[in-house]
Amino acid sequence: MNEKFSLKSAFGCAFKGIFATASERNFKIELCFGALVIILGFALSISPLEWLAVIICIGLVLGGEAFNSAVEAIVDLASPGYHELAGKAKDCAAGGVLLFSLGALAVGIVIFLPKLLALIGV
């Protein structure tokens, strides 16, 4: 690897990866949910600590999806045909994103459900 690979080049590669992941269906869905949660956070005036939890959850889900996409690309390159281990690797990566998403859902329930119930008078 070139030792003169600049910081600018490194960030360029990282953004290229983000944009490549952003073109995928699941990333778009997760991004929409993230935007809805941010809007809900402003609407319900969540606390700074709650914002921190929301931001971390959004970052983990989107970052997890980027890693999942990377695993899928590597597996497709290494094993263009079907192989049981290739399928296992893809399933495990997708499972990781699901776990991040379920954790984010739990955080969302803890933060938003009491505020929404109070808003509707329950």
C-alpha atoms as a PDB file:
ATOM      1  CA  MET A   1       0.000   0.000   0.000  1.00  0.00           C
ATOM      2  CA  ASN A   2       1.179   3.479  -0.777  1.00  0.00           C
ATOM      3  CA  GLU A   3       2.437   5.195   2.390  1.00  0.00           C
ATOM      4  CA  LYS A   4       1.658   8.539   0.769  1.00  0.00           C
ATOM      5  CA  PHE A   5      -2.060   7.769   0.665  1.00  0.00           C
ATOM      6  CA  SER A   6      -3.351  11.088   1.902  1.00  0.00           C
ATOM      7  CA  LEU A   7      -5.991  11.720   4.527  1.00  0.00           C
ATOM      8  CA  LYS A   8      -8.039  13.404   1.811  1.00  0.00           C
ATOM      9  CA  SER A   9      -7.848  10.228  -0.287  1.00  0.00           C
ATOM     10  CA  ALA A  10      -8.851   8.110   2.714  1.00  0.00           C
ATOM     11  CA  PHE A  11     -11.932  10.256   3.327  1.00  0.00           C
ATOM     12  CA  GLY A  12     -12.704  10.147  -0.393  1.00  0.00           C
ATOM     13  CA  CYS A  13     -12.698   6.342  -0.293  1.00  0.00           C
ATOM     14  CA  ALA A  14     -14.888   6.355   2.813  1.00  0.00           C
ATOM     15  CA  PHE A  15     -17.448   8.656   1.211  1.00  0.00           C
ATOM     16  CA  LYS A  16     -17.360   6.536  -1.947  1.00  0.00           C
ATOM     17  CA  GLY A  17     -18.282   3.551   0.230  1.00  0.00           C
ATOM     18  CA  ILE A  18     -21.102   5.454   1.935  1.00  0.00           C
ATOM     19  CA  PHE A  19     -22.544   6.523  -1.418  1.00  0.00           C
ATOM     20  CA  ALA A  20     -22.257   2.961  -2.744  1.00  0.00           C
ATOM     21  CA  THR A  21     -24.156   1.662   0.294  1.00  0.00           C
ATOM     22  CA  ALA A  22     -26.699   4.489   0.078  1.00  0.00           C
ATOM     23  CA  SER A  23     -27.855   3.205  -3.295  1.00  0.00           C
ATOM     24  CA  GLU A  24     -29.110  -0.025  -1.723  1.00  0.00           C
ATOM     25  CA  ARG A  25     -32.765  -0.556  -0.759  1.00  0.00           C
ATOM     26  CA  ASN A  26     -32.228  -1.471   2.904  1.00  0.00           C
ATOM     27  CA  PHE A  27     -29.972   1.522   3.526  1.00  0.00           C
ATOM     28  CA  LYS A  28     -32.624   3.825   2.041  1.00  0.00           C
ATOM     29  CA  ILE A  29     -35.289   2.294   4.282  1.00  0.00           C
ATOM     30  CA  GLU A  30     -33.078   2.643   7.364  1.00  0.00           C
ATOM     31  CA  LEU A  31     -32.209   6.216   6.406  1.00  0.00           C
ATOM     32  CA  CYS A  32     -35.924   7.063   6.138  1.00  0.00           C
ATOM     33  CA  PHE A  33     -36.594   5.597   9.582  1.00  0.00           C
ATOM     34  CA  GLY A  34     -33.635   7.543  10.934  1.00  0.00           C
ATOM     35  CA  ALA A  35     -35.029  10.772   9.464  1.00  0.00           C
ATOM     36  CA  LEU A  36     -38.471  10.046  10.941  1.00  0.00           C
ATOM     37  CA  VAL A  37     -36.924   9.451  14.355  1.00  0.00           C
ATOM     38  CA  ILE A  38     -35.028  12.741  14.124  1.00  0.00           C
ATOM     39  CA  ILE A  39     -38.231  14.593  13.212  1.00  0.00           C
ATOM     40  CA  LEU A  40     -40.043  12.871  16.088  1.00  0.00           C
ATOM     41  CA  GLY A  41     -37.189  13.794  18.418  1.00  0.00           C
ATOM     42  CA  PHE A  42     -37.569  17.473  17.558  1.00  0.00           C
ATOM     43  CA  ALA A  43     -41.354  17.278  17.778  1.00  0.00           C
ATOM     44  CA  LEU A  44     -41.245  15.682  21.228  1.00  0.00           C
ATOM     45  CA  SER A  45     -38.287  17.734  22.516  1.00  0.00           C
ATOM     46  CA  ILE A  46     -36.202  14.792  23.640  1.00  0.00           C
ATOM     47  CA  SER A  47     -33.371  15.455  26.090  1.00  0.00           C
ATOM     48  CA  PRO A  48     -29.688  15.742  25.139  1.00  0.00           C
ATOM     49  CA  LEU A  49     -29.027  12.256  26.576  1.00  0.00           C
ATOM     50  CA  GLU A  50     -31.920  10.864  24.552  1.00  0.00           C
ATOM     51  CA  TRP A  51     -30.511  12.560  21.436  1.00  0.00           C
ATOM     52  CA  LEU A  52     -27.187  10.895  22.124  1.00  0.00           C
ATOM     53  CA  ALA A  53     -28.857   7.467  22.273  1.00  0.00           C
ATOM     54  CA  VAL A  54     -30.820   8.162  19.065  1.00  0.00           C
ATOM     55  CA  ILE A  55     -27.730   9.370  17.170  1.00  0.00           C
ATOM     56  CA  ILE A  56     -25.691   6.350  18.296  1.00  0.00           C
ATOM     57  CA  CYS A  57     -28.483   3.977  17.248  1.00  0.00           C
ATOM     58  CA  ILE A  58     -28.845   5.574  13.819  1.00  0.00           C
ATOM     59  CA  GLY A  59     -25.074   5.435  13.327  1.00  0.00           C
ATOM     60  CA  LEU A  60     -24.893   1.789  14.370  1.00  0.00           C
ATOM     61  CA  VAL A  61     -27.713   0.694  12.080  1.00  0.00           C
ATOM     62  CA  LEU A  62     -26.365   2.579   9.050  1.00  0.00           C
ATOM     63  CA  GLY A  63     -22.776   1.554   9.789  1.00  0.00           C
ATOM     64  CA  GLY A  64     -23.896  -2.037  10.237  1.00  0.00           C
ATOM     65  CA  GLU A  65     -25.600  -1.906   6.864  1.00  0.00           C
ATOM     66  CA  ALA A  66     -22.384  -0.625   5.280  1.00  0.00           C
ATOM     67  CA  PHE A  67     -20.449  -3.553   6.802  1.00  0.00           C
ATOM     68  CA  ASN A  68     -23.166  -5.950   5.631  1.00  0.00           C
ATOM     69  CA  SER A  69     -22.832  -4.585   2.093  1.00  0.00           C
ATOM     70  CA  ALA A  70     -19.053  -4.999   2.265  1.00  0.00           C
ATOM     71  CA  VAL A  71     -19.363  -8.611   3.419  1.00  0.00           C
ATOM     72  CA  GLU A  72     -21.846  -9.350   0.633  1.00  0.00           C
ATOM     73  CA  ALA A  73     -19.531  -7.839  -1.991  1.00  0.00           C
ATOM     74  CA  ILE A  74     -16.504  -9.777  -0.731  1.00  0.00           C
ATOM     75  CA  VAL A  75     -18.467 -13.023  -0.583  1.00  0.00           C
ATOM     76  CA  ASP A  76     -19.839 -12.503  -4.104  1.00  0.00           C
ATOM     77  CA  LEU A  77     -16.302 -11.873  -5.366  1.00  0.00           C
ATOM     78  CA  ALA A  78     -14.819 -14.891  -3.600  1.00  0.00           C
ATOM     79  CA  SER A  79     -17.709 -17.254  -4.260  1.00  0.00           C
ATOM     80  CA  PRO A  80     -19.715 -16.281  -7.360  1.00  0.00           C
ATOM     81  CA  GLY A  81     -21.559 -19.609  -7.248  1.00  0.00           C
ATOM     82  CA  TYR A  82     -23.547 -20.937  -4.326  1.00  0.00           C
ATOM     83  CA  HIS A  83     -21.567 -22.192  -1.368  1.00  0.00           C
ATOM     84  CA  GLU A  84     -22.944 -22.992   2.074  1.00  0.00           C
ATOM     85  CA  LEU A  85     -20.258 -20.967   3.861  1.00  0.00           C
ATOM     86  CA  ALA A  86     -20.838 -17.982   1.568  1.00  0.00           C
ATOM     87  CA  GLY A  87     -24.516 -18.087   2.479  1.00  0.00           C
ATOM     88  CA  LYS A  88     -23.648 -18.373   6.161  1.00  0.00           C
ATOM     89  CA  ALA A  89     -21.361 -15.316   5.975  1.00  0.00           C
ATOM     90  CA  LYS A  90     -24.075 -13.258   4.285  1.00  0.00           C
ATOM     91  CA  ASP A  91     -26.718 -14.443   6.757  1.00  0.00           C
ATOM     92  CA  CYS A  92     -24.500 -13.597   9.730  1.00  0.00           C
ATOM     93  CA  ALA A  93     -23.812 -10.096   8.391  1.00  0.00           C
ATOM     94  CA  ALA A  94     -27.525  -9.527   7.785  1.00  0.00           C
ATOM     95  CA  GLY A  95     -28.238 -10.857  11.274  1.00  0.00           C
ATOM     96  CA  GLY A  96     -25.825  -8.296  12.697  1.00  0.00           C
ATOM     97  CA  VAL A  97     -27.788  -5.480  11.070  1.00  0.00           C
ATOM     98  CA  LEU A  98     -31.015  -6.978  12.410  1.00  0.00           C
ATOM     99  CA  LEU A  99     -29.561  -7.046  15.932  1.00  0.00           C
ATOM    100  CA  PHE A 100     -28.505  -3.387  15.651  1.00  0.00           C
ATOM    101  CA  SER A 101     -31.989  -2.544  14.359  1.00  0.00           C
ATOM    102  CA  LEU A 102     -33.746  -4.401  17.184  1.00  0.00           C
ATOM    103  CA  GLY A 103     -31.549  -2.626  19.714  1.00  0.00           C
ATOM    104  CA  ALA A 104     -32.401   0.712  18.095  1.00  0.00           C
ATOM    105  CA  LEU A 105     -36.090  -0.195  18.191  1.00  0.00           C
ATOM    106  CA  ALA A 106     -35.844  -0.967  21.914  1.00  0.00           C
ATOM    107  CA  VAL A 107     -34.132   2.377  22.551  1.00  0.00           C
ATOM    108  CA  GLY A 108     -36.826   4.112  20.493  1.00  0.00           C
ATOM    109  CA  ILE A 109     -39.582   2.451  22.503  1.00  0.00           C
ATOM    110  CA  VAL A 110     -37.975   3.487  25.793  1.00  0.00           C
ATOM    111  CA  ILE A 111     -37.514   7.085  24.635  1.00  0.00           C
ATOM    112  CA  PHE A 112     -40.611   7.735  22.543  1.00  0.00           C
ATOM    113  CA  LEU A 113     -43.423   5.517  23.830  1.00  0.00           C
ATOM    114  CA  PRO A 114     -43.889   7.303  27.181  1.00  0.00           C
ATOM    115  CA  LYS A 115     -43.831  10.698  25.446  1.00  0.00           C
ATOM    116  CA  LEU A 116     -46.361   9.585  22.801  1.00  0.00           C
ATOM    117  CA  LEU A 117     -48.645   8.028  25.410  1.00  0.00           C
ATOM    118  CA  ALA A 118     -48.521  11.226  27.478  1.00  0.00           C
ATOM    119  CA  LEU A 119     -49.283  13.243  24.360  1.00  0.00           C
ATOM    120  CA  ILE A 120     -52.470  11.297  23.655  1.00  0.00           C
ATOM    121  CA  GLY A 121     -53.432  11.287  27.341  1.00  0.00           C
ATOM    122  CA  VAL A 122     -52.908   7.623  28.187  1.00  0.00           C
END
